[in-house]
Amino acid sequence: MLAPPEVLDYVIVHELCHRKEMNHSPRFWSEVAKVIPDYKKHEKWLKTEGTRLMRRMTG
C-alpha cells in the first residue's frame, strides 16, 4: 500500500497475467504490455525502491 498507485496496478496486472502464462516468457510480457505499455518503468521502480519499502514495513 505504500507504493504509488500505478506501481500497485502493475503488480496486480503482472500477477493476473500469470493466469495466462505461468512464466516470464516473451508471451507473458506481451500480455502485461497490452494492459500497461510502460510496465518497465514500474518494474524499475520496484527494483530500486522495493527494498526500502520492505524495510519500512518490517522495521
PDB file of N, CA and C in Angstrom:
ATOM      1  N   MET A   1       0.811  -1.196   0.000  1.00  0.00           N
ATOM      2  CA  MET A   1       0.000   0.000   0.000  1.00  0.00           C
ATOM      3  C   MET A   1       0.858   1.265   0.000  1.00  0.00           C
ATOM      4  N   LEU A   2       2.122   1.117   0.265  1.00  0.00           N
ATOM      5  CA  LEU A   2       2.998   2.282   0.311  1.00  0.00           C
ATOM      6  C   LEU A   2       3.554   2.654  -1.059  1.00  0.00           C
ATOM      7  N   ALA A   3       3.360   1.809  -2.025  1.00  0.00           N
ATOM      8  CA  ALA A   3       3.842   2.094  -3.385  1.00  0.00           C
ATOM      9  C   ALA A   3       2.848   3.016  -4.090  1.00  0.00           C
ATOM     10  N   PRO A   4       3.323   3.735  -5.096  1.00  0.00           N
ATOM     11  CA  PRO A   4       2.415   4.585  -5.879  1.00  0.00           C
ATOM     12  C   PRO A   4       1.316   3.739  -6.540  1.00  0.00           C
ATOM     13  N   PRO A   5       0.143   4.313  -6.726  1.00  0.00           N
ATOM     14  CA  PRO A   5      -0.980   3.555  -7.310  1.00  0.00           C
ATOM     15  C   PRO A   5      -0.656   2.884  -8.639  1.00  0.00           C
ATOM     16  N   GLU A   6       0.105   3.549  -9.492  1.00  0.00           N
ATOM     17  CA  GLU A   6       0.418   2.951 -10.789  1.00  0.00           C
ATOM     18  C   GLU A   6       1.329   1.728 -10.644  1.00  0.00           C
ATOM     19  N   VAL A   7       2.161   1.710  -9.621  1.00  0.00           N
ATOM     20  CA  VAL A   7       3.010   0.545  -9.364  1.00  0.00           C
ATOM     21  C   VAL A   7       2.150  -0.594  -8.823  1.00  0.00           C
ATOM     22  N   LEU A   8       1.211  -0.275  -7.951  1.00  0.00           N
ATOM     23  CA  LEU A   8       0.290  -1.301  -7.450  1.00  0.00           C
ATOM     24  C   LEU A   8      -0.516  -1.895  -8.600  1.00  0.00           C
ATOM     25  N   ASP A   9      -0.954  -1.060  -9.520  1.00  0.00           N
ATOM     26  CA  ASP A   9      -1.679  -1.557 -10.699  1.00  0.00           C
ATOM     27  C   ASP A   9      -0.800  -2.520 -11.494  1.00  0.00           C
ATOM     28  N   TYR A  10       0.464  -2.155 -11.658  1.00  0.00           N
ATOM     29  CA  TYR A  10       1.397  -3.025 -12.385  1.00  0.00           C
ATOM     30  C   TYR A  10       1.515  -4.384 -11.697  1.00  0.00           C
ATOM     31  N   VAL A  11       1.660  -4.387 -10.383  1.00  0.00           N
ATOM     32  CA  VAL A  11       1.796  -5.649  -9.641  1.00  0.00           C
ATOM     33  C   VAL A  11       0.555  -6.523  -9.852  1.00  0.00           C
ATOM     34  N   ILE A  12      -0.606  -5.912  -9.788  1.00  0.00           N
ATOM     35  CA  ILE A  12      -1.851  -6.667  -9.981  1.00  0.00           C
ATOM     36  C   ILE A  12      -1.921  -7.247 -11.389  1.00  0.00           C
ATOM     37  N   VAL A  13      -1.631  -6.426 -12.385  1.00  0.00           N
ATOM     38  CA  VAL A  13      -1.666  -6.895 -13.771  1.00  0.00           C
ATOM     39  C   VAL A  13      -0.632  -8.009 -13.976  1.00  0.00           C
ATOM     40  N   HIS A  14       0.552  -7.815 -13.424  1.00  0.00           N
ATOM     41  CA  HIS A  14       1.615  -8.819 -13.518  1.00  0.00           C
ATOM     42  C   HIS A  14       1.106 -10.168 -12.998  1.00  0.00           C
ATOM     43  N   GLU A  15       0.522 -10.152 -11.826  1.00  0.00           N
ATOM     44  CA  GLU A  15       0.038 -11.407 -11.239  1.00  0.00           C
ATOM     45  C   GLU A  15      -1.130 -11.988 -12.030  1.00  0.00           C
ATOM     46  N   LEU A  16      -2.020 -11.152 -12.500  1.00  0.00           N
ATOM     47  CA  LEU A  16      -3.137 -11.660 -13.304  1.00  0.00           C
ATOM     48  C   LEU A  16      -2.665 -12.268 -14.620  1.00  0.00           C
ATOM     49  N   CYS A  17      -1.621 -11.710 -15.200  1.00  0.00           N
ATOM     50  CA  CYS A  17      -1.100 -12.249 -16.452  1.00  0.00           C
ATOM     51  C   CYS A  17      -0.508 -13.647 -16.256  1.00  0.00           C
ATOM     52  N   HIS A  18      -0.124 -13.969 -15.027  1.00  0.00           N
ATOM     53  CA  HIS A  18       0.345 -15.322 -14.756  1.00  0.00           C
ATOM     54  C   HIS A  18      -0.781 -16.346 -14.885  1.00  0.00           C
ATOM     55  N   ARG A  19      -2.015 -15.904 -14.893  1.00  0.00           N
ATOM     56  CA  ARG A  19      -3.137 -16.824 -15.125  1.00  0.00           C
ATOM     57  C   ARG A  19      -3.116 -17.342 -16.567  1.00  0.00           C
ATOM     58  N   LYS A  20      -2.554 -16.536 -17.474  1.00  0.00           N
ATOM     59  CA  LYS A  20      -2.447 -16.957 -18.879  1.00  0.00           C
ATOM     60  C   LYS A  20      -1.097 -17.603 -19.173  1.00  0.00           C
ATOM     61  N   GLU A  21      -0.051 -17.034 -18.608  1.00  0.00           N
ATOM     62  CA  GLU A  21       1.319 -17.517 -18.833  1.00  0.00           C
ATOM     63  C   GLU A  21       1.989 -17.685 -17.473  1.00  0.00           C
ATOM     64  N   MET A  22       2.269 -18.920 -17.102  1.00  0.00           N
ATOM     65  CA  MET A  22       2.843 -19.200 -15.784  1.00  0.00           C
ATOM     66  C   MET A  22       4.370 -19.111 -15.798  1.00  0.00           C
ATOM     67  N   ASN A  23       4.884 -18.090 -16.398  1.00  0.00           N
ATOM     68  CA  ASN A  23       6.332 -17.909 -16.541  1.00  0.00           C
ATOM     69  C   ASN A  23       6.588 -16.439 -16.858  1.00  0.00           C
ATOM     70  N   HIS A  24       7.827 -16.119 -17.156  1.00  0.00           N
ATOM     71  CA  HIS A  24       8.185 -14.753 -17.565  1.00  0.00           C
ATOM     72  C   HIS A  24       8.728 -14.772 -19.000  1.00  0.00           C
ATOM     73  N   SER A  25       8.041 -15.484 -19.849  1.00  0.00           N
ATOM     74  CA  SER A  25       8.428 -15.594 -21.259  1.00  0.00           C
ATOM     75  C   SER A  25       8.063 -14.310 -22.008  1.00  0.00           C
ATOM     76  N   PRO A  26       8.548 -14.176 -23.230  1.00  0.00           N
ATOM     77  CA  PRO A  26       8.140 -13.026 -24.048  1.00  0.00           C
ATOM     78  C   PRO A  26       6.615 -12.923 -24.193  1.00  0.00           C
ATOM     79  N   ARG A  27       5.930 -14.062 -24.268  1.00  0.00           N
ATOM     80  CA  ARG A  27       4.459 -14.028 -24.367  1.00  0.00           C
ATOM     81  C   ARG A  27       3.848 -13.438 -23.099  1.00  0.00           C
ATOM     82  N   PHE A  28       4.428 -13.773 -21.946  1.00  0.00           N
ATOM     83  CA  PHE A  28       3.949 -13.202 -20.687  1.00  0.00           C
ATOM     84  C   PHE A  28       4.068 -11.677 -20.713  1.00  0.00           C
ATOM     85  N   TRP A  29       5.258 -11.186 -21.048  1.00  0.00           N
ATOM     86  CA  TRP A  29       5.489  -9.738 -21.051  1.00  0.00           C
ATOM     87  C   TRP A  29       4.627  -9.039 -22.099  1.00  0.00           C
ATOM     88  N   SER A  30       4.318  -9.742 -23.168  1.00  0.00           N
ATOM     89  CA  SER A  30       3.415  -9.183 -24.174  1.00  0.00           C
ATOM     90  C   SER A  30       2.022  -8.971 -23.581  1.00  0.00           C
ATOM     91  N   GLU A  31       1.577  -9.906 -22.764  1.00  0.00           N
ATOM     92  CA  GLU A  31       0.278  -9.765 -22.094  1.00  0.00           C
ATOM     93  C   GLU A  31       0.296  -8.574 -21.138  1.00  0.00           C
ATOM     94  N   VAL A  32       1.363  -8.440 -20.379  1.00  0.00           N
ATOM     95  CA  VAL A  32       1.488  -7.302 -19.457  1.00  0.00           C
ATOM     96  C   VAL A  32       1.449  -5.999 -20.245  1.00  0.00           C
ATOM     97  N   ALA A  33       2.202  -5.939 -21.335  1.00  0.00           N
ATOM     98  CA  ALA A  33       2.292  -4.722 -22.142  1.00  0.00           C
ATOM     99  C   ALA A  33       0.967  -4.333 -22.788  1.00  0.00           C
ATOM    100  N   LYS A  34       0.097  -5.292 -23.020  1.00  0.00           N
ATOM    101  CA  LYS A  34      -1.222  -4.965 -23.578  1.00  0.00           C
ATOM    102  C   LYS A  34      -2.016  -4.076 -22.627  1.00  0.00           C
ATOM    103  N   VAL A  35      -1.818  -4.263 -21.340  1.00  0.00           N
ATOM    104  CA  VAL A  35      -2.565  -3.502 -20.337  1.00  0.00           C
ATOM    105  C   VAL A  35      -1.765  -2.296 -19.852  1.00  0.00           C
ATOM    106  N   ILE A  36      -0.454  -2.497 -19.664  1.00  0.00           N
ATOM    107  CA  ILE A  36       0.405  -1.422 -19.153  1.00  0.00           C
ATOM    108  C   ILE A  36       1.621  -1.315 -20.080  1.00  0.00           C
ATOM    109  N   PRO A  37       1.493  -0.536 -21.148  1.00  0.00           N
ATOM    110  CA  PRO A  37       2.587  -0.442 -22.125  1.00  0.00           C
ATOM    111  C   PRO A  37       3.921   0.020 -21.526  1.00  0.00           C
ATOM    112  N   ASP A  38       3.878   0.847 -20.486  1.00  0.00           N
ATOM    113  CA  ASP A  38       5.119   1.346 -19.884  1.00  0.00           C
ATOM    114  C   ASP A  38       5.476   0.578 -18.604  1.00  0.00           C
ATOM    115  N   TYR A  39       5.167  -0.715 -18.577  1.00  0.00           N
ATOM    116  CA  TYR A  39       5.381  -1.529 -17.385  1.00  0.00           C
ATOM    117  C   TYR A  39       6.834  -1.535 -16.918  1.00  0.00           C
ATOM    118  N   LYS A  40       7.782  -1.377 -17.829  1.00  0.00           N
ATOM    119  CA  LYS A  40       9.201  -1.413 -17.445  1.00  0.00           C
ATOM    120  C   LYS A  40       9.543  -0.304 -16.456  1.00  0.00           C
ATOM    121  N   LYS A  41       8.866   0.820 -16.574  1.00  0.00           N
ATOM    122  CA  LYS A  41       9.084   1.926 -15.637  1.00  0.00           C
ATOM    123  C   LYS A  41       8.696   1.507 -14.221  1.00  0.00           C
ATOM    124  N   HIS A  42       7.599   0.796 -14.100  1.00  0.00           N
ATOM    125  CA  HIS A  42       7.119   0.361 -12.783  1.00  0.00           C
ATOM    126  C   HIS A  42       7.964  -0.783 -12.231  1.00  0.00           C
ATOM    127  N   GLU A  43       8.410  -1.646 -13.125  1.00  0.00           N
ATOM    128  CA  GLU A  43       9.304  -2.732 -12.730  1.00  0.00           C
ATOM    129  C   GLU A  43      10.608  -2.153 -12.174  1.00  0.00           C
ATOM    130  N   LYS A  44      11.112  -1.125 -12.829  1.00  0.00           N
ATOM    131  CA  LYS A  44      12.338  -0.468 -12.374  1.00  0.00           C
ATOM    132  C   LYS A  44      12.121   0.175 -11.006  1.00  0.00           C
ATOM    133  N   TRP A  45      10.970   0.816 -10.810  1.00  0.00           N
ATOM    134  CA  TRP A  45      10.681   1.437  -9.515  1.00  0.00           C
ATOM    135  C   TRP A  45      10.725   0.385  -8.412  1.00  0.00           C
ATOM    136  N   LEU A  46      10.112  -0.768  -8.655  1.00  0.00           N
ATOM    137  CA  LEU A  46      10.113  -1.832  -7.646  1.00  0.00           C
ATOM    138  C   LEU A  46      11.521  -2.322  -7.355  1.00  0.00           C
ATOM    139  N   LYS A  47      12.346  -2.422  -8.375  1.00  0.00           N
ATOM    140  CA  LYS A  47      13.717  -2.889  -8.159  1.00  0.00           C
ATOM    141  C   LYS A  47      14.529  -1.891  -7.354  1.00  0.00           C
ATOM    142  N   THR A  48      14.301  -0.612  -7.571  1.00  0.00           N
ATOM    143  CA  THR A  48      15.095   0.402  -6.861  1.00  0.00           C
ATOM    144  C   THR A  48      14.510   0.782  -5.510  1.00  0.00           C
ATOM    145  N   GLU A  49      13.201   0.760  -5.373  1.00  0.00           N
ATOM    146  CA  GLU A  49      12.552   1.204  -4.138  1.00  0.00           C
ATOM    147  C   GLU A  49      11.985   0.069  -3.289  1.00  0.00           C
ATOM    148  N   GLY A  50      11.885  -1.116  -3.864  1.00  0.00           N
ATOM    149  CA  GLY A  50      11.251  -2.233  -3.178  1.00  0.00           C
ATOM    150  C   GLY A  50      11.917  -2.611  -1.859  1.00  0.00           C
ATOM    151  N   THR A  51      13.239  -2.633  -1.828  1.00  0.00           N
ATOM    152  CA  THR A  51      13.952  -2.985  -0.603  1.00  0.00           C
ATOM    153  C   THR A  51      13.660  -1.978   0.495  1.00  0.00           C
ATOM    154  N   ARG A  52      13.704  -0.707   0.154  1.00  0.00           N
ATOM    155  CA  ARG A  52      13.421   0.340   1.138  1.00  0.00           C
ATOM    156  C   ARG A  52      11.991   0.217   1.638  1.00  0.00           C
ATOM    157  N   LEU A  53      11.097  -0.081   0.746  1.00  0.00           N
ATOM    158  CA  LEU A  53       9.689  -0.234   1.101  1.00  0.00           C
ATOM    159  C   LEU A  53       9.495  -1.405   2.068  1.00  0.00           C
ATOM    160  N   MET A  54      10.138  -2.517   1.790  1.00  0.00           N
ATOM    161  CA  MET A  54      10.026  -3.690   2.655  1.00  0.00           C
ATOM    162  C   MET A  54      10.632  -3.412   4.033  1.00  0.00           C
ATOM    163  N   ARG A  55      11.756  -2.700   4.089  1.00  0.00           N
ATOM    164  CA  ARG A  55      12.362  -2.352   5.378  1.00  0.00           C
ATOM    165  C   ARG A  55      11.409  -1.493   6.198  1.00  0.00           C
ATOM    166  N   ARG A  56      10.736  -0.585   5.525  1.00  0.00           N
ATOM    167  CA  ARG A  56       9.802   0.307   6.211  1.00  0.00           C
ATOM    168  C   ARG A  56       8.631  -0.479   6.783  1.00  0.00           C
ATOM    169  N   MET A  57       8.191  -1.503   6.064  1.00  0.00           N
ATOM    170  CA  MET A  57       7.054  -2.297   6.505  1.00  0.00           C
ATOM    171  C   MET A  57       7.423  -3.204   7.675  1.00  0.00           C
ATOM    172  N   THR A  58       8.655  -3.690   7.718  1.00  0.00           N
ATOM    173  CA  THR A  58       9.065  -4.646   8.746  1.00  0.00           C
ATOM    174  C   THR A  58       9.811  -3.981   9.897  1.00  0.00           C
ATOM    175  N   GLY A  59      10.236  -2.755   9.678  1.00  0.00           N
ATOM    176  CA  GLY A  59      11.084  -2.065  10.653  1.00  0.00           C
ATOM    177  C   GLY A  59      10.356  -1.486  11.766  1.00  0.00           C
TER     178      GLY A  59
END
